[in-house]
Amino acid sequence: FDSRHGKAFFIKLKQYGGLTYFFLMAAKDPLALSFPQQLLAGGVAGVVEVTTMYPLDVVKTHMQLNLGKQKQPMLSTLITTVRERGFGIYRGMLPPILMEAPKRALKFASNEAYKPLWADARGHLGQWGSIGAGVSAGVTEALVVVPFELVKIRLQAKENVRVDGTFLFIRLPYCCS
């Protein structure tokens, strides 16, 4: 794969008169995914990320909750927690998956959607084009995710709760901030 020109190369075999010839063929991007496929790939990446990192997040939370007690190194805390809980270390993982999967899906798919906008006149996406597409995807993600994060934070901070229930509280970031 040549990332400078956005092309993948593959070898094609042809037989002529009993001889086999090898041709190096170039394709625009034989592995290009559609927008829905990009959304799915991003969602899967989000699930894999949460599944992989969740045990460390549990350990971090345990270490934060044990502020006044004797401190253990992170690795020791991880080993102790896994021994005590086993697969129970993944308890409570559904909310982060429900948050992270759509967030990653949006970021992956929007990054791919922005690439043509950042490509040069020949259709090549250089380093600055890749950076521009990534920043654009990050801004898109932020515009969608930040209002929900704000609702979550306000609901977690009970002294700021002025309305009972999440659904009535969603409109507050827009009208009452």
C-alpha atoms as a PDB file:
ATOM      1  CA  PHE A   1       0.000   0.000   0.000  1.00  0.00           C
ATOM      2  CA  ASP A   2       1.395   3.400  -0.989  1.00  0.00           C
ATOM      3  CA  SER A   3      -0.141   5.924   1.415  1.00  0.00           C
ATOM      4  CA  ARG A   4       1.409   8.888  -0.431  1.00  0.00           C
ATOM      5  CA  HIS A   5      -0.694   8.198  -3.494  1.00  0.00           C
ATOM      6  CA  GLY A   6      -3.632   6.433  -1.875  1.00  0.00           C
ATOM      7  CA  LYS A   7      -3.144   3.312  -3.982  1.00  0.00           C
ATOM      8  CA  ALA A   8      -2.830  -0.331  -3.168  1.00  0.00           C
ATOM      9  CA  PHE A   9      -0.723  -2.571  -5.338  1.00  0.00           C
ATOM     10  CA  PHE A  10      -1.353  -6.230  -5.989  1.00  0.00           C
ATOM     11  CA  ILE A  11       0.156  -8.910  -8.177  1.00  0.00           C
ATOM     12  CA  LYS A  12      -1.942 -10.381 -10.949  1.00  0.00           C
ATOM     13  CA  LEU A  13      -0.980 -13.682 -12.578  1.00  0.00           C
ATOM     14  CA  LYS A  14      -1.696 -14.323 -16.267  1.00  0.00           C
ATOM     15  CA  GLN A  15      -0.828 -17.342 -18.341  1.00  0.00           C
ATOM     16  CA  TYR A  16       0.084 -16.985 -22.001  1.00  0.00           C
ATOM     17  CA  GLY A  17       1.308 -19.943 -24.047  1.00  0.00           C
ATOM     18  CA  GLY A  18       2.228 -22.061 -21.035  1.00  0.00           C
ATOM     19  CA  LEU A  19       4.186 -19.242 -19.335  1.00  0.00           C
ATOM     20  CA  THR A  20       3.016 -17.414 -16.235  1.00  0.00           C
ATOM     21  CA  TYR A  21       3.484 -13.648 -16.179  1.00  0.00           C
ATOM     22  CA  PHE A  22       3.341 -11.481 -13.073  1.00  0.00           C
ATOM     23  CA  PHE A  23       1.859  -8.009 -13.361  1.00  0.00           C
ATOM     24  CA  LEU A  24       2.039  -5.362 -10.686  1.00  0.00           C
ATOM     25  CA  MET A  25      -1.370  -3.746 -10.754  1.00  0.00           C
ATOM     26  CA  ALA A  26      -2.479  -0.586  -9.014  1.00  0.00           C
ATOM     27  CA  ALA A  27      -5.965  -0.033  -7.692  1.00  0.00           C
ATOM     28  CA  LYS A  28      -7.418   3.180  -6.290  1.00  0.00           C
ATOM     29  CA  ASP A  29      -8.287   1.532  -2.991  1.00  0.00           C
ATOM     30  CA  PRO A  30      -9.559  -2.031  -3.254  1.00  0.00           C
ATOM     31  CA  LEU A  31     -10.317  -2.083   0.484  1.00  0.00           C
ATOM     32  CA  ALA A  32     -12.356   1.134   0.541  1.00  0.00           C
ATOM     33  CA  LEU A  33     -15.341   0.879   2.858  1.00  0.00           C
ATOM     34  CA  SER A  34     -18.707   2.560   2.449  1.00  0.00           C
ATOM     35  CA  PHE A  35     -19.933   5.066   5.068  1.00  0.00           C
ATOM     36  CA  PRO A  36     -22.084   2.444   6.869  1.00  0.00           C
ATOM     37  CA  GLN A  37     -19.125   0.040   6.857  1.00  0.00           C
ATOM     38  CA  GLN A  38     -16.931   2.799   8.333  1.00  0.00           C
ATOM     39  CA  LEU A  39     -19.534   3.352  11.053  1.00  0.00           C
ATOM     40  CA  LEU A  40     -19.540  -0.367  11.842  1.00  0.00           C
ATOM     41  CA  ALA A  41     -15.725  -0.533  11.865  1.00  0.00           C
ATOM     42  CA  GLY A  42     -15.557   2.443  14.220  1.00  0.00           C
ATOM     43  CA  GLY A  43     -18.174   0.918  16.509  1.00  0.00           C
ATOM     44  CA  VAL A  44     -16.253  -2.348  16.667  1.00  0.00           C
ATOM     45  CA  ALA A  45     -13.059  -0.405  17.410  1.00  0.00           C
ATOM     46  CA  GLY A  46     -14.846   1.362  20.275  1.00  0.00           C
ATOM     47  CA  VAL A  47     -16.019  -1.950  21.751  1.00  0.00           C
ATOM     48  CA  VAL A  48     -12.517  -3.427  21.463  1.00  0.00           C
ATOM     49  CA  GLU A  49     -11.038  -0.324  23.086  1.00  0.00           C
ATOM     50  CA  VAL A  50     -13.408  -0.449  26.062  1.00  0.00           C
ATOM     51  CA  THR A  51     -13.000  -4.212  26.470  1.00  0.00           C
ATOM     52  CA  THR A  52      -9.224  -3.874  26.470  1.00  0.00           C
ATOM     53  CA  MET A  53      -8.922  -0.829  28.702  1.00  0.00           C
ATOM     54  CA  TYR A  54     -11.796  -1.419  31.139  1.00  0.00           C
ATOM     55  CA  PRO A  55      -9.753  -3.493  33.637  1.00  0.00           C
ATOM     56  CA  LEU A  56      -7.247  -0.624  33.913  1.00  0.00           C
ATOM     57  CA  ASP A  57     -10.103   1.821  34.433  1.00  0.00           C
ATOM     58  CA  VAL A  58     -11.431  -0.374  37.260  1.00  0.00           C
ATOM     59  CA  VAL A  59      -7.953  -0.430  38.827  1.00  0.00           C
ATOM     60  CA  LYS A  60      -7.674   3.354  38.493  1.00  0.00           C
ATOM     61  CA  THR A  61     -11.028   3.779  40.230  1.00  0.00           C
ATOM     62  CA  HIS A  62      -9.998   1.404  43.041  1.00  0.00           C
ATOM     63  CA  MET A  63      -6.764   3.308  43.536  1.00  0.00           C
ATOM     64  CA  GLN A  64      -8.652   6.617  43.646  1.00  0.00           C
ATOM     65  CA  LEU A  65     -11.144   5.260  46.190  1.00  0.00           C
ATOM     66  CA  ASN A  66      -8.332   3.987  48.445  1.00  0.00           C
ATOM     67  CA  LEU A  67      -6.853   7.444  48.995  1.00  0.00           C
ATOM     68  CA  GLY A  68      -6.445   7.190  52.767  1.00  0.00           C
ATOM     69  CA  LYS A  69      -5.292   3.583  52.781  1.00  0.00           C
ATOM     70  CA  GLN A  70      -1.926   2.022  52.061  1.00  0.00           C
ATOM     71  CA  LYS A  71      -1.072   2.496  48.411  1.00  0.00           C
ATOM     72  CA  GLN A  72      -0.217  -0.419  46.150  1.00  0.00           C
ATOM     73  CA  PRO A  73       1.452  -0.215  42.740  1.00  0.00           C
ATOM     74  CA  MET A  74      -0.901  -0.362  39.762  1.00  0.00           C
ATOM     75  CA  LEU A  75       0.244  -3.804  38.596  1.00  0.00           C
ATOM     76  CA  SER A  76      -0.222  -5.246  42.077  1.00  0.00           C
ATOM     77  CA  THR A  77      -3.698  -3.718  42.299  1.00  0.00           C
ATOM     78  CA  LEU A  78      -4.582  -5.139  38.874  1.00  0.00           C
ATOM     79  CA  ILE A  79      -3.434  -8.648  39.837  1.00  0.00           C
ATOM     80  CA  THR A  80      -5.311  -8.506  43.164  1.00  0.00           C
ATOM     81  CA  THR A  81      -8.489  -7.231  41.493  1.00  0.00           C
ATOM     82  CA  VAL A  82      -8.402  -9.914  38.775  1.00  0.00           C
ATOM     83  CA  ARG A  83      -7.839 -12.630  41.405  1.00  0.00           C
ATOM     84  CA  GLU A  84     -10.743 -11.363  43.508  1.00  0.00           C
ATOM     85  CA  ARG A  85     -13.196 -10.703  40.692  1.00  0.00           C
ATOM     86  CA  GLY A  86     -12.132 -12.846  37.744  1.00  0.00           C
ATOM     87  CA  PHE A  87     -14.332 -11.884  34.797  1.00  0.00           C
ATOM     88  CA  GLY A  88     -16.364  -9.819  37.258  1.00  0.00           C
ATOM     89  CA  ILE A  89     -13.820  -7.087  36.576  1.00  0.00           C
ATOM     90  CA  TYR A  90     -15.938  -6.316  33.512  1.00  0.00           C
ATOM     91  CA  ARG A  91     -19.039  -5.641  35.631  1.00  0.00           C
ATOM     92  CA  GLY A  92     -20.499  -2.270  34.709  1.00  0.00           C
ATOM     93  CA  MET A  93     -18.903  -2.197  31.263  1.00  0.00           C
ATOM     94  CA  LEU A  94     -22.135  -1.733  29.281  1.00  0.00           C
ATOM     95  CA  PRO A  95     -22.490   2.054  29.806  1.00  0.00           C
ATOM     96  CA  PRO A  96     -18.944   2.791  28.557  1.00  0.00           C
ATOM     97  CA  ILE A  97     -19.550   0.562  25.529  1.00  0.00           C
ATOM     98  CA  LEU A  98     -22.845   2.304  24.798  1.00  0.00           C
ATOM     99  CA  MET A  99     -20.999   5.625  24.928  1.00  0.00           C
ATOM    100  CA  GLU A 100     -17.730   4.694  23.211  1.00  0.00           C
ATOM    101  CA  ALA A 101     -18.996   2.571  20.303  1.00  0.00           C
ATOM    102  CA  PRO A 102     -21.138   5.306  18.689  1.00  0.00           C
ATOM    103  CA  LYS A 103     -18.485   7.928  19.456  1.00  0.00           C
ATOM    104  CA  ARG A 104     -15.749   5.926  17.701  1.00  0.00           C
ATOM    105  CA  ALA A 105     -18.118   5.019  14.865  1.00  0.00           C
ATOM    106  CA  LEU A 106     -18.805   8.705  14.245  1.00  0.00           C
ATOM    107  CA  LYS A 107     -15.123   9.627  14.429  1.00  0.00           C
ATOM    108  CA  PHE A 108     -13.939   6.850  12.080  1.00  0.00           C
ATOM    109  CA  ALA A 109     -16.672   7.454   9.510  1.00  0.00           C
ATOM    110  CA  SER A 110     -16.391  11.245   9.571  1.00  0.00           C
ATOM    111  CA  ASN A 111     -12.598  11.018   9.223  1.00  0.00           C
ATOM    112  CA  GLU A 112     -13.070   9.018   6.019  1.00  0.00           C
ATOM    113  CA  ALA A 113     -15.787  11.391   4.823  1.00  0.00           C
ATOM    114  CA  TYR A 114     -13.515  14.423   5.318  1.00  0.00           C
ATOM    115  CA  LYS A 115     -10.521  12.934   3.468  1.00  0.00           C
ATOM    116  CA  PRO A 116     -11.760  13.906  -0.034  1.00  0.00           C
ATOM    117  CA  LEU A 117     -12.351  17.463   1.183  1.00  0.00           C
ATOM    118  CA  TRP A 118      -8.733  17.729   2.362  1.00  0.00           C
ATOM    119  CA  ALA A 119      -7.178  16.057  -0.694  1.00  0.00           C
ATOM    120  CA  ASP A 120      -5.286  18.172  -3.218  1.00  0.00           C
ATOM    121  CA  ALA A 121      -6.425  18.799  -6.798  1.00  0.00           C
ATOM    122  CA  ARG A 122      -4.960  15.437  -7.918  1.00  0.00           C
ATOM    123  CA  GLY A 123      -6.873  13.615  -5.186  1.00  0.00           C
ATOM    124  CA  HIS A 124      -3.801  12.914  -3.061  1.00  0.00           C
ATOM    125  CA  LEU A 125      -4.077  13.176   0.678  1.00  0.00           C
ATOM    126  CA  GLY A 126      -0.776  14.316   2.128  1.00  0.00           C
ATOM    127  CA  GLN A 127       0.286  14.698   5.732  1.00  0.00           C
ATOM    128  CA  TRP A 128      -1.503  18.012   6.202  1.00  0.00           C
ATOM    129  CA  GLY A 129      -4.614  16.615   4.541  1.00  0.00           C
ATOM    130  CA  SER A 130      -4.595  13.678   6.952  1.00  0.00           C
ATOM    131  CA  ILE A 131      -4.194  16.066   9.869  1.00  0.00           C
ATOM    132  CA  GLY A 132      -7.021  18.243   8.553  1.00  0.00           C
ATOM    133  CA  ALA A 133      -9.350  15.252   8.140  1.00  0.00           C
ATOM    134  CA  GLY A 134      -8.499  14.065  11.661  1.00  0.00           C
ATOM    135  CA  VAL A 135      -9.083  17.492  13.188  1.00  0.00           C
ATOM    136  CA  SER A 136     -12.369  17.828  11.293  1.00  0.00           C
ATOM    137  CA  ALA A 137     -13.476  14.413  12.554  1.00  0.00           C
ATOM    138  CA  GLY A 138     -12.494  15.410  16.108  1.00  0.00           C
ATOM    139  CA  VAL A 139     -14.511  18.629  15.872  1.00  0.00           C
ATOM    140  CA  THR A 140     -17.505  16.693  14.516  1.00  0.00           C
ATOM    141  CA  GLU A 141     -17.218  14.220  17.382  1.00  0.00           C
ATOM    142  CA  ALA A 142     -16.969  17.031  19.917  1.00  0.00           C
ATOM    143  CA  LEU A 143     -20.027  18.830  18.540  1.00  0.00           C
ATOM    144  CA  VAL A 144     -22.084  15.650  18.924  1.00  0.00           C
ATOM    145  CA  VAL A 145     -20.614  14.243  22.156  1.00  0.00           C
ATOM    146  CA  VAL A 146     -19.960  17.282  24.376  1.00  0.00           C
ATOM    147  CA  PRO A 147     -23.635  18.097  25.037  1.00  0.00           C
ATOM    148  CA  PHE A 148     -24.190  14.532  26.280  1.00  0.00           C
ATOM    149  CA  GLU A 149     -21.016  14.645  28.387  1.00  0.00           C
ATOM    150  CA  LEU A 150     -22.218  17.911  29.900  1.00  0.00           C
ATOM    151  CA  VAL A 151     -25.557  16.322  30.820  1.00  0.00           C
ATOM    152  CA  LYS A 152     -23.733  13.352  32.371  1.00  0.00           C
ATOM    153  CA  ILE A 153     -21.439  15.586  34.433  1.00  0.00           C
ATOM    154  CA  ARG A 154     -24.305  17.771  35.614  1.00  0.00           C
ATOM    155  CA  LEU A 155     -26.344  14.749  36.617  1.00  0.00           C
ATOM    156  CA  GLN A 156     -23.367  13.277  38.490  1.00  0.00           C
ATOM    157  CA  ALA A 157     -22.815  16.531  40.385  1.00  0.00           C
ATOM    158  CA  LYS A 158     -25.977  16.445  42.480  1.00  0.00           C
ATOM    159  CA  GLU A 159     -25.602  20.028  43.661  1.00  0.00           C
ATOM    160  CA  ASN A 160     -26.120  21.186  40.056  1.00  0.00           C
ATOM    161  CA  VAL A 161     -29.230  19.114  39.374  1.00  0.00           C
ATOM    162  CA  ARG A 162     -32.193  21.400  38.878  1.00  0.00           C
ATOM    163  CA  VAL A 163     -34.437  18.922  37.052  1.00  0.00           C
ATOM    164  CA  ASP A 164     -35.243  15.310  37.892  1.00  0.00           C
ATOM    165  CA  GLY A 165     -34.506  12.875  35.092  1.00  0.00           C
ATOM    166  CA  THR A 166     -32.110  12.746  32.189  1.00  0.00           C
ATOM    167  CA  PHE A 167     -34.539  13.480  29.359  1.00  0.00           C
ATOM    168  CA  LEU A 168     -35.763  16.757  30.843  1.00  0.00           C
ATOM    169  CA  PHE A 169     -32.187  17.653  31.675  1.00  0.00           C
ATOM    170  CA  ILE A 170     -30.903  17.276  28.111  1.00  0.00           C
ATOM    171  CA  ARG A 171     -32.237  20.657  27.012  1.00  0.00           C
ATOM    172  CA  LEU A 172     -30.430  22.521  29.827  1.00  0.00           C
ATOM    173  CA  PRO A 173     -26.993  22.706  28.120  1.00  0.00           C
ATOM    174  CA  TYR A 174     -28.601  24.551  25.244  1.00  0.00           C
ATOM    175  CA  CYS A 175     -30.911  26.955  27.037  1.00  0.00           C
ATOM    176  CA  CYS A 176     -29.586  27.514  30.531  1.00  0.00           C
ATOM    177  CA  SER A 177     -25.775  27.403  30.459  1.00  0.00           C
END
